[in-house]
Amino acid sequence: MSSTGRINFFFAGILLFFHLLSIPTVAFAQQVTLKVLKDSYAPGEKISILVTNPTDENIFTVAASARPGMALTNIEKKAAVGWDALPLRCRQPSCDVDYVMPEPEQIKPGKSVAFSWEPKILSDNKYVRPEPGIYRLTIMYQVRKAGRARAWNWTTVRSNTFTLE
């Protein structure tokens, strides 16, 4: 190969290298997790829950507040097809129970918040233990970017499944 051919080949290799560098790569974003710490819970046993923020941003959730159980937005029971959402608390004006939702609190990057919750659902305007079955929980959290609070979106995260005996 002549010296001109070697130079052209060398520059073609450099161009290919820089072209490959410019191709966007897929980044696998880490997600906030909601983990139920045991696979099965006996009647009367509280559920141990861990919310973890592996992201690089602060998140805000009621799960980090003084009343973390209020962060639970749903308990879902496995059905023959899909999942059935069961009511965790009454909604105004259908009941006379008044509760105040705490303000969301911060979970810093790389940190977790643990809490326990006694499984109760609303049935006929009373709180009762859910019947035995396979369940999962949901909470919501926010990443608060600069700007108005109305622009902060809520994101839902589901737990792993667990059994209520």
Protein backbone atom coordinates (compact mmCIF):
# COMPACT_ATOMS: atom_id res chain seq x y z
CA MET A 1 0.00 0.00 0.00
CA SER A 2 1.33 3.41 -0.89
CA SER A 3 1.88 6.09 1.73
CA THR A 4 -1.11 8.03 0.36
CA GLY A 5 -3.33 4.94 0.75
CA ARG A 6 -2.11 4.47 4.35
CA ILE A 7 -2.86 8.12 5.19
CA ASN A 8 -6.36 7.89 3.66
CA PHE A 9 -6.99 4.66 5.57
CA PHE A 10 -5.73 6.29 8.79
CA PHE A 11 -8.02 9.33 8.36
CA ALA A 12 -10.98 7.10 7.48
CA GLY A 13 -10.39 5.23 10.76
CA ILE A 14 -10.30 8.50 12.70
CA LEU A 15 -13.51 9.69 11.03
CA LEU A 16 -15.22 6.40 11.86
CA PHE A 17 -14.06 6.67 15.49
CA PHE A 18 -15.50 10.20 15.89
CA HIS A 19 -18.69 9.15 14.11
CA LEU A 20 -19.17 6.31 16.59
CA LEU A 21 -18.62 8.73 19.48
CA SER A 22 -21.37 10.98 18.16
CA ILE A 23 -24.04 8.23 18.10
CA PRO A 24 -26.32 8.71 21.09
CA THR A 25 -26.30 5.87 23.56
CA VAL A 26 -29.28 4.62 25.47
CA ALA A 27 -29.01 5.55 29.12
CA PHE A 28 -30.80 3.25 31.50
CA ALA A 29 -32.35 5.64 34.00
CA GLN A 30 -32.55 4.45 37.55
CA GLN A 31 -36.05 4.43 38.94
CA VAL A 32 -37.40 5.14 42.40
CA THR A 33 -38.40 1.83 43.99
CA LEU A 34 -41.11 0.82 46.43
CA LYS A 35 -40.23 -2.49 48.05
CA VAL A 36 -42.29 -4.61 50.42
CA LEU A 37 -39.65 -6.35 52.53
CA LYS A 38 -41.31 -9.75 52.98
CA ASP A 39 -43.10 -12.09 50.58
CA SER A 40 -45.92 -12.95 52.99
CA TYR A 41 -47.68 -11.35 55.97
CA ALA A 42 -49.80 -13.04 58.65
CA PRO A 43 -53.10 -11.55 59.86
CA GLY A 44 -52.43 -8.54 62.10
CA GLU A 45 -48.82 -8.19 60.95
CA LYS A 46 -47.70 -4.77 59.71
CA ILE A 47 -46.19 -4.53 56.24
CA SER A 48 -42.57 -3.31 56.13
CA ILE A 49 -42.00 -0.91 53.23
CA LEU A 50 -38.85 0.70 51.80
CA VAL A 51 -38.83 3.65 49.36
CA THR A 52 -35.43 4.09 47.68
CA ASN A 53 -34.21 6.99 45.55
CA PRO A 54 -31.31 5.73 43.38
CA THR A 55 -31.57 8.75 41.07
CA ASP A 56 -29.31 11.81 40.97
CA GLU A 57 -32.18 14.13 41.96
CA ASN A 58 -34.10 14.87 45.14
CA ILE A 59 -37.56 13.37 45.16
CA PHE A 60 -40.52 14.45 47.27
CA THR A 61 -43.11 12.07 48.68
CA VAL A 62 -45.48 11.84 51.61
CA ALA A 63 -43.69 8.54 52.42
CA ALA A 64 -40.88 10.66 53.90
CA SER A 65 -43.30 12.61 56.13
CA ALA A 66 -44.38 12.06 59.73
CA ARG A 67 -47.40 10.07 58.39
CA PRO A 68 -45.84 7.86 55.69
CA GLY A 69 -48.82 5.52 55.38
CA MET A 70 -50.73 8.42 53.82
CA ALA A 71 -48.33 8.16 50.85
CA LEU A 72 -49.97 4.92 49.73
CA THR A 73 -52.26 5.76 46.85
CA ASN A 74 -53.51 2.23 46.20
CA ILE A 75 -53.42 -1.32 47.36
CA GLU A 76 -54.11 -3.55 44.37
CA LYS A 77 -55.28 -7.16 44.57
CA LYS A 78 -54.38 -9.63 41.86
CA ALA A 79 -57.53 -10.57 39.96
CA ALA A 80 -58.20 -13.30 37.40
CA VAL A 81 -57.24 -10.71 34.78
CA GLY A 82 -55.10 -7.76 35.89
CA TRP A 83 -55.33 -5.96 39.23
CA ASP A 84 -58.22 -4.50 41.24
CA ALA A 85 -57.54 -1.24 43.12
CA LEU A 86 -59.07 -1.25 46.60
CA PRO A 87 -59.94 1.98 48.44
CA LEU A 88 -57.49 2.91 51.19
CA ARG A 89 -59.43 5.86 52.57
CA CYS A 90 -62.73 7.58 52.08
CA ARG A 91 -63.09 10.53 49.77
CA GLN A 92 -65.04 13.65 50.58
CA PRO A 93 -68.00 14.20 50.44
CA SER A 94 -68.98 10.50 50.62
CA CYS A 95 -67.84 10.13 54.24
CA ASP A 96 -67.49 12.22 57.34
CA VAL A 97 -63.90 11.26 58.18
CA ASP A 98 -61.68 14.28 57.91
CA TYR A 99 -57.96 13.86 57.40
CA VAL A 100 -55.19 16.18 56.38
CA MET A 101 -52.66 14.94 53.87
CA PRO A 102 -49.13 15.81 55.04
CA GLU A 103 -46.81 17.78 52.79
CA PRO A 104 -44.39 15.70 50.72
CA GLU A 105 -40.90 15.53 52.22
CA GLN A 106 -37.56 15.11 50.48
CA ILE A 107 -35.61 11.89 49.91
CA LYS A 108 -32.08 12.75 48.79
CA PRO A 109 -30.24 10.89 46.01
CA GLY A 110 -29.02 7.47 47.12
CA LYS A 111 -31.17 7.49 50.28
CA SER A 112 -34.11 5.37 51.46
CA VAL A 113 -37.04 5.79 53.81
CA ALA A 114 -38.54 2.82 55.66
CA PHE A 115 -41.96 2.62 57.31
CA SER A 116 -44.56 0.07 58.29
CA TRP A 117 -48.24 0.03 57.53
CA GLU A 118 -51.14 -1.95 58.91
CA PRO A 119 -53.10 -3.17 55.87
CA LYS A 120 -56.59 -1.69 55.98
CA ILE A 121 -59.07 -0.87 53.23
CA LEU A 122 -62.34 1.01 53.30
CA SER A 123 -65.41 -1.20 53.01
CA ASP A 124 -68.95 0.00 53.79
CA ASN A 125 -67.50 3.14 55.39
CA LYS A 126 -65.38 1.05 57.81
CA TYR A 127 -61.70 0.18 57.77
CA VAL A 128 -61.14 -3.59 57.51
CA ARG A 129 -58.27 -5.93 56.77
CA PRO A 130 -58.11 -6.97 53.11
CA GLU A 131 -59.02 -10.59 52.43
CA PRO A 132 -56.20 -13.08 51.79
CA GLY A 133 -54.56 -12.83 48.37
CA ILE A 134 -51.70 -11.44 46.34
CA TYR A 135 -51.24 -7.66 46.52
CA ARG A 136 -49.03 -4.75 45.54
CA LEU A 137 -48.89 -1.13 46.71
CA THR A 138 -48.50 2.19 44.90
CA ILE A 139 -47.16 5.57 45.95
CA MET A 140 -46.53 8.81 44.11
CA TYR A 141 -43.50 11.07 44.15
CA GLN A 142 -42.31 14.28 42.49
CA VAL A 143 -39.04 15.57 41.11
CA ARG A 144 -39.28 19.30 41.71
CA LYS A 145 -37.60 21.24 38.96
CA ALA A 146 -37.28 25.00 39.13
CA GLY A 147 -40.48 26.79 38.31
CA ARG A 148 -44.03 26.83 39.52
CA ALA A 149 -45.39 24.06 41.71
CA ARG A 150 -48.17 23.41 39.20
CA ALA A 151 -45.54 22.23 36.73
CA TRP A 152 -44.28 19.49 39.08
CA ASN A 153 -45.65 16.18 37.87
CA TRP A 154 -46.45 13.22 40.06
CA THR A 155 -45.01 9.82 39.12
CA THR A 156 -46.50 6.54 40.34
CA VAL A 157 -44.35 3.61 41.41
CA ARG A 158 -45.60 0.11 42.25
CA SER A 159 -44.17 -2.31 44.76
CA ASN A 160 -43.21 -5.92 44.32
CA THR A 161 -46.02 -8.38 45.02
CA PHE A 162 -46.68 -9.87 48.45
CA THR A 163 -49.24 -12.21 50.01
CA LEU A 164 -51.69 -11.42 52.78
CA GLU A 165 -52.57 -14.68 54.52
